[in-house]
Amino acid sequence: MAGVRLQNLRGLAVHDERINVVTMSTVPEIESAIEKLSPAQQREIVGWLESRLMPEPPAMLAALDEGIRSLDNEPTVPDEKVRRKIKTWATA
């Protein structure tokens, strides 16, 4: 393996100084590989997929930031009061 730069090899797994080519080209193969990951690694994949499939537009991010700032700076309504209001709204 002298002279081989492992960081430049994509899709390869190195184990005990042997190189195994890992190929996955179908959804079932990918699903099977994901099932073998830890829950934390699976959450990383979910986050990656969400960021690629549903990118958050800048306007939405700005609105979320403003909402978080308002929670820090403005008075809030206690949970119980909101629950009472919801009951009256639902029966109206």
Protein backbone atom coordinates (compact mmCIF):
# COMPACT_ATOMS: atom_id res chain seq x y z
CA MET A 1 0.00 0.00 0.00
CA ALA A 2 3.01 2.26 -0.14
CA GLY A 3 2.40 5.42 -2.11
CA VAL A 4 -1.41 5.17 -1.98
CA ARG A 5 -3.03 8.30 -0.58
CA LEU A 6 -6.09 6.94 1.24
CA GLN A 7 -7.71 10.33 1.72
CA ASN A 8 -8.15 10.58 -2.05
CA LEU A 9 -9.92 7.24 -2.39
CA ARG A 10 -13.68 7.60 -2.39
CA GLY A 11 -16.04 4.72 -1.70
CA LEU A 12 -13.31 2.60 -0.15
CA ALA A 13 -13.21 1.09 3.31
CA VAL A 14 -9.87 0.25 4.90
CA HIS A 15 -9.74 -2.62 7.38
CA ASP A 16 -6.63 -4.43 8.58
CA GLU A 17 -4.60 -2.85 5.74
CA ARG A 18 -6.91 -4.32 3.12
CA ILE A 19 -9.00 -2.12 0.88
CA ASN A 20 -12.57 -3.14 0.20
CA VAL A 21 -14.52 -1.30 -2.45
CA VAL A 22 -17.90 -0.29 -1.06
CA THR A 23 -20.54 0.33 -3.66
CA MET A 24 -24.17 1.13 -3.02
CA SER A 25 -26.35 2.03 -5.92
CA THR A 26 -29.87 1.11 -4.86
CA VAL A 27 -32.13 2.51 -2.19
CA PRO A 28 -32.41 -0.87 -0.38
CA GLU A 29 -28.60 -1.11 -0.19
CA ILE A 30 -28.36 2.41 1.20
CA GLU A 31 -31.20 1.77 3.67
CA SER A 32 -29.47 -1.40 4.86
CA ALA A 33 -26.21 0.48 5.41
CA ILE A 34 -28.01 3.27 7.30
CA GLU A 35 -29.70 0.75 9.59
CA LYS A 36 -26.23 -0.37 10.72
CA LEU A 37 -25.31 3.13 11.88
CA SER A 38 -25.70 4.39 15.42
CA PRO A 39 -28.74 6.58 16.19
CA ALA A 40 -26.47 9.65 16.30
CA GLN A 41 -25.04 8.83 12.87
CA GLN A 42 -28.55 8.27 11.51
CA ARG A 43 -29.58 11.72 12.81
CA GLU A 44 -26.57 13.20 10.98
CA ILE A 45 -27.83 11.62 7.75
CA VAL A 46 -31.33 13.00 8.39
CA GLY A 47 -29.93 16.49 8.89
CA TRP A 48 -27.84 16.21 5.74
CA LEU A 49 -30.81 15.01 3.68
CA GLU A 50 -33.09 17.72 5.06
CA SER A 51 -30.56 20.42 4.24
CA ARG A 52 -30.27 19.15 0.66
CA LEU A 53 -33.96 18.50 0.03
CA MET A 54 -35.53 21.40 1.91
CA PRO A 55 -33.09 24.28 2.14
CA GLU A 56 -34.36 27.02 4.42
CA PRO A 57 -34.84 30.29 2.56
CA PRO A 58 -33.14 33.36 4.07
CA ALA A 59 -36.51 34.97 4.85
CA MET A 60 -37.55 31.99 6.95
CA LEU A 61 -34.24 31.99 8.83
CA ALA A 62 -34.62 35.71 9.51
CA ALA A 63 -38.17 35.18 10.82
CA LEU A 64 -36.97 32.40 13.12
CA ASP A 65 -34.17 34.62 14.43
CA GLU A 66 -36.65 37.42 15.10
CA GLY A 67 -38.98 35.02 16.91
CA ILE A 68 -36.14 33.83 19.14
CA ARG A 69 -35.13 37.44 19.90
CA SER A 70 -38.72 38.33 20.78
CA LEU A 71 -38.91 35.41 23.23
CA ASP A 72 -35.87 36.82 25.00
CA ASN A 73 -37.15 40.41 25.09
CA GLU A 74 -40.95 40.34 25.24
CA PRO A 75 -43.36 39.01 27.84
CA THR A 76 -44.74 35.53 27.29
CA VAL A 77 -48.09 33.91 28.05
CA PRO A 78 -48.15 31.05 30.58
CA ASP A 79 -48.96 27.60 29.14
CA GLU A 80 -52.10 27.20 31.23
CA LYS A 81 -53.58 30.46 29.94
CA VAL A 82 -52.96 29.36 26.35
CA ARG A 83 -54.60 25.98 27.04
CA ARG A 84 -57.71 27.71 28.44
CA LYS A 85 -57.87 29.98 25.39
CA ILE A 86 -57.55 27.02 23.00
CA LYS A 87 -60.49 25.32 24.71
CA THR A 88 -62.66 28.39 24.23
CA TRP A 89 -61.57 28.79 20.60
CA ALA A 90 -62.24 25.12 19.87
CA THR A 91 -65.79 25.25 21.24
CA ALA A 92 -66.76 28.53 19.61
